[in-house]
Amino acid sequence: MQRNEPVRGRPGPRFPRLAAVVLVSACILAVPRAASAQNPTTDSLRVQIRQLMLQVDSLRAALARIGPGGAPGAPAAEDPLARIRAAAAAAAAAADTTAAPEPAQQTFVGRQRNLSALNPEISVSGDVFAISRSDASREDNFIAREFELSFVSNLDPFSRAKVFVAHHTTGGEIPPFGAPEAAGTSEVDVEEGYVEWVGLTGGLSLAVGKFRQRFGKLNRWHAHALPAQQLPLPIIAFLGEEGLAQTGVSAHWLAPVHGFGTWEVWGELTRSSDETAFGNSRGLSALGHLNAFWDVTRSTYLELGVSGLTGVYGPDIPATGPLPEFLPNRSRLFGADFTLDWRPPASGRYRQATLHGGAMLNRRVSADGTAQQAKGGFLIGEYKFATQWILGGRYEYTQNPDNPDEHSWLAGPSLTWWQSEFVRLRTAYEVFRGQDRFGQFVLQATFAMGPHKHENY
């Protein structure tokens, strides 16, 4: 390895000295650019110049020790740093020390009351059918089953309100027992209307008003969000065609369980207004629901729930006047449900499989101690094989709670096309066996306007 020693009669290497000069020059030239880009004040510019002067003095002392020939202590033949100091002084003089700093831009906001900001979020959903039954292929073929208005508003940082008003037209439903209602009968009803306090202490939330109760999972969903054209047969047999929706109070608790899934508990106390479940009883009914969630793998999700509902079943209770002192009949409904969802993270937009399942047991106990019970269950599967296409199928079975010797079942495939998150088209063929025996072809179109789309609660 060669050593870089001076040659006799020629000066030594001047690379350290030249590098220092170039470095300091670059720093001086960067001062005006930084000033124009950042527009510093006069005080900050003076501080930068003072720091630069100190760096120049230290470099000058180091060059003096090195000397022109590379020997320490040799005097400098020339002073290029003097020119650098002069350039720095000229840059300081060029700065405008008399101009005041530009004031920060201010934004003025009017404090007047903005009434439009207080309006709730308003949405509209529609549910329209084309139906052809094997036993009545030319009757009641087109039905505009439901148009729903939803009003949702955050009242303050602690509470929000939801109101759902629906115009419902009968037709297209398959009751598990008894004759269906005459097609074309219309009514307007408040499906839900409640105020909810969220984020309370200890993971609690509270709702007061009329709401769809948390018996299982699908009972909470509105009709236009269901995976089929109606609720499963056991829910209709034990809770009615519209499901369980009563007026009262509902408390929800997110349990502080860590490391073993997510656990939720509901407790609801309502007035017994569901005629299918409680007859014409006007007493109180109580509901409890426990729900748990687990991420089995990165692509698989499991949800399990158990529910219980109890109240007085009063077929002989008068509609008006005082309640009798002794109410003999008690009605208890138990349920268990699950949801298994598979969605690979890398292909979730066009690959997904979901399986919903549930079992229900209804038990009525009379005054003499005799009990009558009926059971039912369902399975509903969906498989997304493309971005917008879903293939589905279902099987549902139930006994009659008024006469457990009677039973019915329904099965059939379906094909759903999501044109967008606002428009959904579904075609299905359903085979029903019960008091009646028929097949039914269904073409369903649902649409949504506004922020409240096909929500699954």
Protein backbone atom coordinates (compact mmCIF):
# COMPACT_ATOMS: atom_id res chain seq x y z
CA MET A 1 0.00 0.00 0.00
CA GLN A 2 1.58 3.29 -1.10
CA ARG A 3 2.01 6.15 1.30
CA ASN A 4 1.21 9.64 0.14
CA GLU A 5 4.47 11.43 1.08
CA PRO A 6 5.49 14.89 -0.21
CA VAL A 7 7.84 15.11 -3.13
CA ARG A 8 10.93 17.29 -2.66
CA GLY A 9 10.54 20.74 -4.22
CA ARG A 10 6.71 20.51 -4.37
CA PRO A 11 4.18 21.44 -1.69
CA GLY A 12 2.43 18.65 0.29
CA PRO A 13 -1.16 17.48 -0.32
CA ARG A 14 -3.79 20.16 0.24
CA PHE A 15 -6.83 17.89 0.22
CA PRO A 16 -7.85 18.49 3.83
CA ARG A 17 -7.60 22.24 3.38
CA LEU A 18 -9.55 22.27 0.11
CA ALA A 19 -12.24 19.97 1.50
CA ALA A 20 -12.76 22.26 4.46
CA VAL A 21 -13.03 25.30 2.20
CA VAL A 22 -15.60 23.58 -0.03
CA LEU A 23 -17.65 22.42 2.97
CA VAL A 24 -17.81 25.86 4.54
CA SER A 25 -18.67 27.45 1.18
CA ALA A 26 -21.58 25.06 0.75
CA CYS A 27 -22.87 25.94 4.19
CA ILE A 28 -22.66 29.67 3.41
CA LEU A 29 -24.46 29.28 0.08
CA ALA A 30 -27.25 27.27 1.77
CA VAL A 31 -28.08 30.15 4.10
CA PRO A 32 -29.99 32.30 1.56
CA ARG A 33 -31.82 29.26 0.19
CA ALA A 34 -32.96 28.21 3.65
CA ALA A 35 -34.01 31.76 4.38
CA SER A 36 -36.09 32.01 1.20
CA ALA A 37 -37.66 28.60 1.70
CA GLN A 38 -38.46 28.85 5.38
CA ASN A 39 -38.64 32.70 5.78
CA PRO A 40 -36.93 32.75 9.26
CA THR A 41 -37.04 35.80 11.48
CA THR A 42 -34.07 38.13 12.00
CA ASP A 43 -33.21 36.64 15.39
CA SER A 44 -32.99 33.12 14.03
CA LEU A 45 -30.79 34.32 11.14
CA ARG A 46 -28.41 35.99 13.57
CA VAL A 47 -28.16 32.80 15.60
CA GLN A 48 -27.30 30.81 12.46
CA ILE A 49 -24.60 33.31 11.45
CA ARG A 50 -23.09 33.27 14.96
CA GLN A 51 -22.90 29.48 14.89
CA LEU A 52 -21.36 29.58 11.43
CA MET A 53 -18.69 32.06 12.61
CA LEU A 54 -17.71 29.71 15.43
CA GLN A 55 -17.37 26.82 12.97
CA VAL A 56 -15.23 29.02 10.66
CA ASP A 57 -12.93 30.00 13.55
CA SER A 58 -12.42 26.37 14.52
CA LEU A 59 -11.64 25.39 10.91
CA ARG A 60 -9.23 28.34 10.57
CA ALA A 61 -7.35 27.27 13.69
CA ALA A 62 -7.12 23.70 12.40
CA LEU A 63 -5.74 24.87 9.03
CA ALA A 64 -3.21 27.08 10.79
CA ARG A 65 -1.92 24.09 12.69
CA ILE A 66 -1.62 22.04 9.49
CA GLY A 67 0.14 24.75 7.43
CA PRO A 68 0.53 25.00 3.61
CA GLY A 69 3.07 22.20 3.46
CA GLY A 70 1.20 19.77 5.63
CA ALA A 71 3.53 20.39 8.64
CA PRO A 72 1.80 21.38 11.85
CA GLY A 73 2.46 24.95 12.96
CA ALA A 74 3.47 26.27 9.52
CA PRO A 75 1.96 29.71 8.71
CA ALA A 76 -0.72 29.93 6.10
CA ALA A 77 0.36 31.47 2.82
CA GLU A 78 -3.11 32.76 2.10
CA ASP A 79 -6.33 33.21 3.98
CA PRO A 80 -9.31 31.89 1.90
CA LEU A 81 -11.45 31.90 5.04
CA ALA A 82 -11.37 35.66 5.01
CA ARG A 83 -13.35 35.59 1.78
CA ILE A 84 -15.84 33.18 3.37
CA ARG A 85 -16.32 35.50 6.35
CA ALA A 86 -16.90 38.40 3.99
CA ALA A 87 -19.54 36.39 2.09
CA ALA A 88 -21.28 35.58 5.36
CA ALA A 89 -21.33 39.23 6.36
CA ALA A 90 -22.73 40.18 2.97
CA ALA A 91 -25.48 37.56 3.36
CA ALA A 92 -26.38 39.00 6.76
CA ALA A 93 -26.50 42.52 5.38
CA ALA A 94 -28.74 41.40 2.52
CA ALA A 95 -31.39 40.16 4.97
CA ASP A 96 -34.21 42.64 5.58
CA THR A 97 -33.96 43.36 9.29
CA THR A 98 -36.66 46.04 9.28
CA ALA A 99 -39.54 43.97 7.86
CA ALA A 100 -41.89 42.53 10.44
CA PRO A 101 -42.54 38.76 10.30
CA GLU A 102 -45.57 37.80 8.24
CA PRO A 103 -48.53 37.12 10.55
CA ALA A 104 -49.99 33.62 10.61
CA GLN A 105 -53.06 33.12 8.44
CA GLN A 106 -56.26 33.13 10.48
CA THR A 107 -59.47 31.31 9.72
CA PHE A 108 -62.68 32.89 10.93
CA VAL A 109 -65.51 30.51 11.82
CA GLY A 110 -69.03 31.75 12.24
CA ARG A 111 -70.68 30.84 15.52
CA GLN A 112 -74.23 31.03 14.24
CA ARG A 113 -76.47 27.98 14.66
CA ASN A 114 -76.26 25.59 11.68
CA LEU A 115 -79.67 23.92 11.57
CA SER A 116 -78.78 21.47 8.81
CA ALA A 117 -76.06 19.95 11.00
CA LEU A 118 -78.75 18.93 13.49
CA ASN A 119 -80.71 16.87 10.97
CA PRO A 120 -80.55 13.07 11.40
CA GLU A 121 -79.17 10.73 8.77
CA ILE A 122 -82.13 9.67 6.62
CA SER A 123 -82.14 6.51 4.51
CA VAL A 124 -84.66 4.55 2.49
CA SER A 125 -84.63 0.83 1.71
CA GLY A 126 -86.91 -1.16 -0.57
CA ASP A 127 -87.79 -4.84 -0.83
CA VAL A 128 -89.68 -5.97 -3.97
CA PHE A 129 -90.62 -9.53 -5.02
CA ALA A 130 -91.63 -11.47 -8.08
CA ILE A 131 -93.13 -14.83 -7.02
CA SER A 132 -94.55 -17.86 -8.75
CA ARG A 133 -95.97 -20.75 -6.68
CA SER A 134 -96.63 -24.17 -8.10
CA ASP A 135 -100.16 -24.25 -6.65
CA ALA A 136 -101.05 -20.70 -7.77
CA SER A 137 -98.68 -19.73 -10.56
CA ARG A 138 -100.76 -16.80 -11.81
CA GLU A 139 -101.78 -15.18 -8.53
CA ASP A 140 -100.06 -12.41 -6.57
CA ASN A 141 -96.95 -12.54 -8.70
CA PHE A 142 -95.51 -9.08 -7.88
CA ILE A 143 -95.36 -7.66 -4.38
CA ALA A 144 -93.69 -4.49 -3.08
CA ARG A 145 -93.26 -6.03 0.34
CA GLU A 146 -91.60 -3.24 2.28
CA PHE A 147 -90.31 0.30 2.05
CA GLU A 148 -88.47 1.43 5.14
CA LEU A 149 -87.44 4.89 6.34
CA SER A 150 -84.61 5.09 8.86
CA PHE A 151 -83.62 8.08 10.96
CA VAL A 152 -80.33 7.85 12.82
CA SER A 153 -78.75 10.67 14.82
CA ASN A 154 -75.97 11.11 17.37
CA LEU A 155 -77.73 13.26 19.96
CA ASP A 156 -74.62 14.11 21.96
CA PRO A 157 -71.29 12.47 22.83
CA PHE A 158 -73.08 9.98 25.08
CA SER A 159 -76.26 8.92 23.27
CA ARG A 160 -77.80 8.30 19.86
CA ALA A 161 -81.30 7.62 18.58
CA LYS A 162 -82.65 5.33 15.85
CA VAL A 163 -86.14 5.24 14.38
CA PHE A 164 -87.28 2.85 11.62
CA VAL A 165 -90.70 3.34 10.02
CA ALA A 166 -91.85 0.73 7.48
CA HIS A 167 -94.70 0.45 5.02
CA HIS A 168 -95.34 -3.27 4.80
CA THR A 169 -97.50 -5.15 2.28
CA THR A 170 -98.40 -8.78 2.94
CA GLY A 171 -97.54 -11.46 0.41
CA GLY A 172 -94.67 -13.78 -0.33
CA GLU A 173 -94.28 -15.04 3.23
CA ILE A 174 -94.46 -18.76 3.97
CA PRO A 175 -96.05 -19.31 7.38
CA PRO A 176 -95.05 -22.68 8.86
CA PHE A 177 -98.60 -23.31 10.11
CA GLY A 178 -101.95 -21.87 9.11
CA ALA A 179 -102.98 -19.97 6.03
CA PRO A 180 -100.96 -16.93 4.92
CA GLU A 181 -102.42 -13.47 5.20
CA ALA A 182 -104.27 -12.13 2.20
CA ALA A 183 -101.82 -10.61 -0.25
CA GLY A 184 -102.01 -6.87 -0.73
CA THR A 185 -102.90 -5.84 2.84
CA SER A 186 -100.80 -2.81 3.79
CA GLU A 187 -99.87 -1.21 7.08
CA VAL A 188 -97.45 1.42 8.38
CA ASP A 189 -95.63 0.58 11.58
CA VAL A 190 -92.72 1.79 13.68
CA GLU A 191 -90.46 -1.24 13.59
CA GLU A 192 -87.94 0.28 15.97
CA GLY A 193 -87.56 3.54 17.85
CA TYR A 194 -85.15 3.87 20.73
CA VAL A 195 -82.47 5.98 22.33
CA GLU A 196 -79.18 4.35 23.24
CA TRP A 197 -76.47 5.38 25.71
CA VAL A 198 -73.09 4.04 24.62
CA GLY A 199 -69.70 3.94 26.28
CA LEU A 200 -70.94 3.90 29.87
CA THR A 201 -68.69 2.93 32.76
CA GLY A 202 -67.52 -0.67 32.82
CA GLY A 203 -68.31 -1.47 29.18
CA LEU A 204 -72.07 -0.96 29.60
CA SER A 205 -74.60 0.45 27.14
CA LEU A 206 -78.32 1.02 27.61
CA ALA A 207 -81.28 1.32 25.21
CA VAL A 208 -84.84 2.40 25.95
CA GLY A 209 -87.75 2.22 23.51
CA LYS A 210 -89.03 -0.31 20.99
CA PHE A 211 -86.33 -2.51 19.50
CA ARG A 212 -85.75 -5.88 17.88
CA GLN A 213 -84.60 -8.08 20.73
CA ARG A 214 -81.40 -10.07 20.88
CA PHE A 215 -82.82 -13.59 20.73
CA GLY A 216 -80.21 -15.32 18.61
CA LYS A 217 -78.56 -13.44 15.80
CA LEU A 218 -80.95 -13.28 12.84
CA ASN A 219 -83.91 -11.92 14.85
CA ARG A 220 -81.98 -8.65 15.21
CA TRP A 221 -81.64 -8.17 11.44
CA HIS A 222 -84.14 -6.28 9.34
CA ALA A 223 -85.85 -8.19 6.53
CA HIS A 224 -83.86 -6.55 3.72
CA ALA A 225 -80.58 -7.69 5.32
CA LEU A 226 -81.45 -11.37 5.84
CA PRO A 227 -79.58 -14.12 3.93
CA ALA A 228 -83.00 -15.40 2.71
CA GLN A 229 -86.28 -13.77 1.77
CA GLN A 230 -87.73 -14.26 5.28
CA LEU A 231 -86.79 -15.32 8.80
CA PRO A 232 -86.20 -19.04 9.43
CA LEU A 233 -89.32 -21.15 10.09
CA PRO A 234 -88.60 -21.78 13.83
CA ILE A 235 -88.38 -18.04 14.52
CA ILE A 236 -91.65 -17.45 12.66
CA ALA A 237 -93.36 -20.35 14.48
CA PHE A 238 -92.28 -19.25 17.98
CA LEU A 239 -91.97 -15.44 17.60
CA GLY A 240 -94.08 -14.45 14.59
CA GLU A 241 -93.43 -13.36 11.00
CA GLU A 242 -91.80 -10.08 12.09
CA GLY A 243 -89.70 -11.68 14.82
CA LEU A 244 -89.45 -10.47 18.41
CA ALA A 245 -89.71 -6.66 18.71
CA GLN A 246 -91.12 -5.23 21.97
CA THR A 247 -90.96 -2.08 24.08
CA GLY A 248 -88.81 -1.86 27.19
CA VAL A 249 -85.22 -1.49 28.30
CA SER A 250 -82.11 -3.33 27.10
CA ALA A 251 -78.71 -3.43 28.81
CA HIS A 252 -75.54 -4.63 27.08
CA TRP A 253 -72.25 -5.46 28.80
CA LEU A 254 -68.92 -6.10 27.10
CA ALA A 255 -67.21 -8.43 29.57
CA PRO A 256 -63.55 -7.63 30.36
CA VAL A 257 -62.31 -11.05 29.32
CA HIS A 258 -58.85 -11.07 27.74
CA GLY A 259 -57.08 -13.86 25.94
CA PHE A 260 -60.11 -16.08 25.49
CA GLY A 261 -62.33 -14.47 22.87
CA THR A 262 -64.77 -11.59 23.26
CA TRP A 263 -67.82 -12.02 25.49
CA GLU A 264 -71.05 -9.99 25.48
CA VAL A 265 -74.12 -10.16 27.71
CA TRP A 266 -77.61 -8.74 27.06
CA GLY A 267 -80.40 -8.37 29.58
CA GLU A 268 -83.80 -7.06 28.42
CA LEU A 269 -87.06 -6.37 30.24
CA THR A 270 -90.03 -5.60 27.99
CA ARG A 271 -93.82 -5.56 27.81
CA SER A 272 -95.21 -8.83 26.44
CA SER A 273 -96.73 -7.64 23.18
CA ASP A 274 -95.67 -10.50 20.89
CA GLU A 275 -98.92 -12.41 20.29
CA THR A 276 -97.19 -15.51 18.94
CA ALA A 277 -94.98 -15.89 22.00
CA PHE A 278 -97.28 -14.58 24.76
CA GLY A 279 -100.81 -14.48 23.36
CA ASN A 280 -102.66 -11.41 24.64
CA SER A 281 -100.66 -11.22 27.84
CA ARG A 282 -99.91 -7.69 28.98
CA GLY A 283 -97.35 -8.55 31.62
CA LEU A 284 -93.56 -8.39 31.56
CA SER A 285 -91.15 -10.65 29.70
CA ALA A 286 -87.46 -11.07 30.42
CA LEU A 287 -84.71 -12.01 27.97
CA GLY A 288 -81.07 -12.93 28.46
CA HIS A 289 -78.44 -13.51 25.78
CA LEU A 290 -74.78 -14.52 26.01
CA ASN A 291 -72.56 -14.16 22.98
CA ALA A 292 -68.91 -15.12 22.41
CA PHE A 293 -66.49 -14.49 19.51
CA TRP A 294 -63.27 -16.27 18.60
CA ASP A 295 -60.73 -15.84 15.82
CA VAL A 296 -59.95 -19.50 15.20
CA THR A 297 -57.36 -18.73 12.52
CA ARG A 298 -56.42 -15.66 10.47
CA SER A 299 -59.19 -16.55 8.03
CA THR A 300 -61.79 -18.28 10.26
CA TYR A 301 -64.14 -16.65 12.73
CA LEU A 302 -66.57 -18.38 15.12
CA GLU A 303 -69.50 -16.88 17.02
CA LEU A 304 -71.63 -18.77 19.57
CA GLY A 305 -74.70 -17.57 21.43
CA VAL A 306 -77.32 -18.83 23.87
CA SER A 307 -80.65 -17.11 24.60
CA GLY A 308 -83.53 -17.44 27.02
CA LEU A 309 -86.96 -15.76 27.03
CA THR A 310 -89.64 -16.10 29.68
CA GLY A 311 -93.06 -14.57 30.25
CA VAL A 312 -96.73 -15.27 30.79
CA TYR A 313 -98.65 -16.93 27.97
CA GLY A 314 -102.23 -15.74 28.25
CA PRO A 315 -104.63 -16.93 25.59
CA ASP A 316 -107.60 -16.28 27.94
CA ILE A 317 -106.47 -12.94 29.37
CA PRO A 318 -108.90 -10.11 28.50
CA ALA A 319 -107.53 -7.42 26.23
CA THR A 320 -108.71 -4.66 28.58
CA GLY A 321 -109.36 -4.32 32.28
CA PRO A 322 -107.35 -5.58 35.25
CA LEU A 323 -105.22 -8.67 34.93
CA PRO A 324 -106.43 -11.79 36.75
CA GLU A 325 -104.81 -12.49 40.08
CA PHE A 326 -103.44 -15.85 38.95
CA LEU A 327 -101.79 -16.28 35.60
CA PRO A 328 -101.36 -20.02 35.16
CA ASN A 329 -99.48 -20.42 31.90
CA ARG A 330 -95.76 -19.73 31.64
CA SER A 331 -93.96 -19.66 28.32
CA ARG A 332 -90.22 -20.23 28.08
CA LEU A 333 -88.18 -20.17 24.90
CA PHE A 334 -84.56 -21.30 24.72
CA GLY A 335 -82.20 -20.98 21.80
CA ALA A 336 -78.62 -21.64 20.72
CA ASP A 337 -77.03 -20.29 17.55
CA PHE A 338 -73.67 -20.15 15.81
CA THR A 339 -71.98 -18.41 12.89
CA LEU A 340 -68.88 -19.81 11.23
CA ASP A 341 -67.21 -17.46 8.76
CA TRP A 342 -64.23 -18.22 6.50
CA ARG A 343 -62.59 -15.34 4.63
CA PRO A 344 -58.93 -15.59 3.50
CA PRO A 345 -57.15 -12.25 4.05
CA ALA A 346 -55.51 -12.31 0.61
CA SER A 347 -58.72 -13.11 -1.32
CA GLY A 348 -61.56 -11.97 0.93
CA ARG A 349 -63.11 -9.79 -1.77
CA TYR A 350 -64.00 -12.77 -3.92
CA ARG A 351 -63.80 -15.80 -1.60
CA GLN A 352 -65.93 -16.22 1.51
CA ALA A 353 -68.04 -18.92 3.14
CA THR A 354 -70.54 -18.34 5.95
CA LEU A 355 -72.68 -20.85 7.83
CA HIS A 356 -75.50 -19.80 10.19
CA GLY A 357 -77.18 -22.37 12.41
CA GLY A 358 -79.63 -22.40 15.30
CA ALA A 359 -81.84 -24.54 17.48
CA MET A 360 -84.91 -23.48 19.49
CA LEU A 361 -87.03 -25.10 22.19
CA ASN A 362 -90.39 -23.71 23.32
CA ARG A 363 -91.87 -24.96 26.61
CA ARG A 364 -95.28 -23.97 27.99
CA VAL A 365 -96.31 -24.98 31.51
CA SER A 366 -99.97 -24.77 32.57
CA ALA A 367 -101.48 -24.40 36.04
CA ASP A 368 -101.90 -28.16 36.57
CA GLY A 369 -98.21 -28.74 35.91
CA THR A 370 -98.54 -30.25 32.46
CA ALA A 371 -95.91 -29.10 29.97
CA GLN A 372 -95.98 -28.88 26.23
CA GLN A 373 -92.88 -28.31 24.20
CA ALA A 374 -91.93 -27.86 20.57
CA LYS A 375 -88.56 -27.57 18.88
CA GLY A 376 -87.04 -26.39 15.64
CA GLY A 377 -83.75 -25.65 13.91
CA PHE A 378 -82.17 -24.23 10.76
CA LEU A 379 -78.99 -24.13 8.69
CA ILE A 380 -78.23 -21.35 6.17
CA GLY A 381 -75.04 -21.39 4.12
CA GLU A 382 -73.53 -18.87 1.72
CA TYR A 383 -70.45 -19.16 -0.51
CA LYS A 384 -69.00 -16.21 -2.39
CA PHE A 385 -67.30 -17.57 -5.49
CA ALA A 386 -66.74 -14.23 -7.25
CA THR A 387 -66.59 -10.58 -6.29
CA GLN A 388 -70.33 -10.01 -6.72
CA TRP A 389 -71.81 -13.53 -6.73
CA ILE A 390 -72.97 -15.62 -3.76
CA LEU A 391 -74.36 -19.14 -3.89
CA GLY A 392 -76.58 -20.08 -0.97
CA GLY A 393 -78.77 -22.81 0.44
CA ARG A 394 -80.92 -23.42 3.51
CA TYR A 395 -82.82 -26.06 5.42
CA GLU A 396 -85.35 -25.23 8.16
CA TYR A 397 -87.54 -27.42 10.38
CA THR A 398 -90.02 -26.61 13.14
CA GLN A 399 -92.84 -28.07 15.22
CA ASN A 400 -96.08 -26.25 15.98
CA PRO A 401 -95.93 -24.75 19.52
CA ASP A 402 -99.73 -25.09 19.79
CA ASN A 403 -99.70 -28.69 18.55
CA PRO A 404 -96.26 -30.36 18.59
CA ASP A 405 -97.57 -33.24 16.48
CA GLU A 406 -97.61 -30.90 13.48
CA HIS A 407 -94.35 -29.99 11.79
CA SER A 408 -93.10 -28.37 8.61
CA TRP A 409 -89.85 -27.90 6.76
CA LEU A 410 -88.43 -25.78 3.95
CA ALA A 411 -85.34 -26.18 1.77
CA GLY A 412 -83.91 -24.65 -1.35
CA PRO A 413 -80.94 -23.03 -3.14
CA SER A 414 -80.39 -19.36 -3.92
CA LEU A 415 -78.14 -17.21 -6.09
CA THR A 416 -77.37 -13.60 -5.14
CA TRP A 417 -75.78 -10.87 -7.24
CA TRP A 418 -74.54 -7.75 -5.49
CA GLN A 419 -74.54 -5.09 -8.17
CA SER A 420 -73.12 -2.74 -5.54
CA GLU A 421 -73.49 -2.23 -1.81
CA PHE A 422 -76.71 -0.35 -2.61
CA VAL A 423 -78.41 -2.87 -4.94
CA ARG A 424 -78.86 -6.62 -4.49
CA LEU A 425 -80.69 -9.15 -6.67
CA ARG A 426 -81.49 -12.66 -5.46
CA THR A 427 -83.19 -15.61 -7.09
CA ALA A 428 -84.26 -18.70 -5.13
CA TYR A 429 -86.33 -21.82 -5.38
CA GLU A 430 -88.00 -22.99 -2.17
CA VAL A 431 -89.67 -26.32 -1.45
CA PHE A 432 -92.16 -26.30 1.43
CA ARG A 433 -93.74 -29.28 3.15
CA GLY A 434 -96.32 -28.84 5.89
CA GLN A 435 -100.07 -28.41 5.85
CA ASP A 436 -99.51 -27.26 2.28
CA ARG A 437 -97.08 -28.73 -0.21
CA PHE A 438 -95.70 -26.52 -2.95
CA GLY A 439 -92.63 -25.15 -4.65
CA GLN A 440 -92.00 -21.44 -5.05
CA PHE A 441 -89.74 -19.45 -7.37
CA VAL A 442 -88.65 -16.07 -5.97
CA LEU A 443 -86.91 -13.12 -7.58
CA GLN A 444 -86.05 -10.51 -4.95
CA ALA A 445 -84.69 -7.00 -5.49
CA THR A 446 -83.54 -4.89 -2.55
CA PHE A 447 -82.05 -1.41 -2.70
CA ALA A 448 -80.90 1.20 -0.23
CA MET A 449 -80.46 4.97 -0.37
CA GLY A 450 -78.46 6.86 2.19
CA PRO A 451 -75.98 5.79 4.87
CA HIS A 452 -78.23 3.08 6.37
CA LYS A 453 -77.72 0.25 3.88
CA HIS A 454 -78.29 -3.49 4.30
CA GLU A 455 -76.94 -3.45 7.85
CA ASN A 456 -76.40 -6.59 9.87
CA TYR A 457 -76.60 -5.80 13.56
